[in-house]
Every structure is written in C-alpha cells, then in structure tokens.
C-alpha cells in the first residue's frame, strides 16, 4: 500500500511540476501580448476572446472527463491574472 501511494504521489508531483512550467511558458507569451497591446493602444481585456476560450476549455474538459465548472474557474483565474499584468504594462507605457 505504501509503495502504491508513493508512486501515485510521485506522479502527482511530476504533473504539478509540468503545470508550473507550462504556466510559466504561457505567462511569457501573454507578457509579450500585453506589451504588444500596450504599444498598439489596445485594451488589456478581450471579452469576446475570453468567452470563446472559456467555452473551448469547457468542451475540452467534458471530453477529458473533467468538471467543466472547475476548468472555467481555473481559466478565469489565469485570465484575470493576465489582464492584471496587461493593465500594469499599459500603465507603465503611459507613464
């Protein structure tokens, strides 16, 4: 039992590490997007794209047998953080 639990936990640790690196990569790209938006004087948020992305992730979650509500909350958290970063970049460019 302890060996099986240990293997499960190691898998979880590996997945968590992969998530962290994937989020870091995602935020590198969204940082570049924020800088481009600020340069082009575009708004930090894009509600239409956000709605499409949320629906897309809800569909993927259903296909993956993951709770779509959870996937939406997770993506909403990420989107809100990205918008916060974009707003900061815009303020810095305006200063």
Protein backbone atom coordinates (compact mmCIF):
# COMPACT_ATOMS: atom_id res chain seq x y z
CA UNK A 1 0.00 0.00 0.00
CA UNK A 2 2.75 2.49 0.92
CA UNK A 3 4.60 1.74 -2.34
CA UNK A 4 1.48 2.35 -4.41
CA UNK A 5 0.73 5.58 -2.54
CA UNK A 6 4.31 6.70 -3.08
CA UNK A 7 4.03 6.05 -6.86
CA UNK A 8 0.75 7.97 -7.03
CA UNK A 9 2.29 10.87 -5.15
CA UNK A 10 5.34 10.89 -7.42
CA UNK A 11 3.03 11.06 -10.44
CA UNK A 12 1.15 13.96 -8.86
CA UNK A 13 4.44 15.74 -8.14
CA UNK A 14 5.54 15.28 -11.76
CA UNK A 15 2.23 16.60 -13.06
CA UNK A 16 2.42 19.60 -10.71
CA UNK A 17 5.92 20.39 -11.96
CA UNK A 18 4.75 20.17 -15.58
CA UNK A 19 1.84 22.51 -14.78
CA UNK A 20 4.18 25.08 -13.25
CA UNK A 21 6.48 25.05 -16.28
CA UNK A 22 3.54 25.23 -18.68
CA UNK A 23 2.06 28.17 -16.79
CA UNK A 24 5.44 29.91 -16.83
CA UNK A 25 5.63 29.46 -20.59
CA UNK A 26 2.05 30.67 -21.02
CA UNK A 27 2.77 33.80 -18.99
CA UNK A 28 5.90 34.53 -21.06
CA UNK A 29 3.69 34.60 -24.15
CA UNK A 30 0.91 36.61 -22.52
CA UNK A 31 3.50 39.11 -21.30
CA UNK A 32 4.55 39.65 -24.92
CA UNK A 33 0.88 40.01 -25.88
CA UNK A 34 0.42 42.63 -23.15
CA UNK A 35 3.40 44.61 -24.42
CA UNK A 36 2.10 44.45 -27.99
CA UNK A 37 -1.38 45.53 -26.89
CA UNK A 38 0.09 48.47 -24.96
CA UNK A 39 2.18 49.50 -27.96
CA UNK A 40 -0.85 49.27 -30.27
CA UNK A 41 -3.08 51.01 -27.68
CA UNK A 42 -5.41 48.00 -27.49
CA UNK A 43 -7.44 47.30 -24.36
CA UNK A 44 -5.92 44.86 -21.83
CA UNK A 45 -9.03 42.64 -21.90
CA UNK A 46 -10.77 40.99 -24.85
CA UNK A 47 -14.12 39.73 -23.54
CA UNK A 48 -15.07 38.05 -26.84
CA UNK A 49 -11.87 36.01 -26.93
CA UNK A 50 -12.21 35.20 -23.24
CA UNK A 51 -15.73 33.85 -23.80
CA UNK A 52 -14.52 31.72 -26.73
CA UNK A 53 -11.61 30.37 -24.71
CA UNK A 54 -13.81 29.53 -21.73
CA UNK A 55 -16.28 27.66 -23.94
CA UNK A 56 -13.39 25.87 -25.67
CA UNK A 57 -11.91 24.76 -22.35
CA UNK A 58 -15.31 23.67 -21.05
CA UNK A 59 -15.67 21.49 -24.16
CA UNK A 60 -12.17 20.06 -23.72
CA UNK A 61 -12.90 19.42 -20.04
CA UNK A 62 -16.04 17.46 -20.91
CA UNK A 63 -14.05 15.42 -23.46
CA UNK A 64 -11.37 14.75 -20.82
CA UNK A 65 -13.94 13.82 -18.17
CA UNK A 66 -13.02 16.85 -16.08
CA UNK A 67 -15.57 19.08 -14.39
CA UNK A 68 -16.22 21.98 -16.82
CA UNK A 69 -17.01 24.28 -13.89
CA UNK A 70 -13.57 23.62 -12.46
CA UNK A 71 -11.88 24.23 -15.81
CA UNK A 72 -13.75 27.52 -16.20
CA UNK A 73 -12.75 28.68 -12.71
CA UNK A 74 -9.15 27.73 -13.40
CA UNK A 75 -9.08 29.57 -16.73
CA UNK A 76 -10.90 32.58 -15.27
CA UNK A 77 -8.21 32.82 -12.58
CA UNK A 78 -5.49 32.76 -15.24
CA UNK A 79 -7.29 35.27 -17.48
CA UNK A 80 -7.81 37.66 -14.57
CA UNK A 81 -4.11 37.48 -13.74
CA UNK A 82 -3.14 38.08 -17.39
CA UNK A 83 -5.44 41.11 -17.59
CA UNK A 84 -3.93 42.48 -14.39
CA UNK A 85 -0.47 42.15 -15.96
CA UNK A 86 -1.65 43.78 -19.21
CA UNK A 87 -3.15 46.69 -17.28
CA UNK A 88 0.15 47.15 -15.45
CA UNK A 89 2.13 47.17 -18.71
CA UNK A 90 -0.30 49.71 -20.20
CA UNK A 91 0.05 51.99 -17.15
CA UNK A 92 3.84 51.75 -17.36
CA UNK A 93 3.83 52.64 -21.07
CA UNK A 94 1.58 55.63 -20.40
CA UNK A 95 3.81 56.95 -17.61
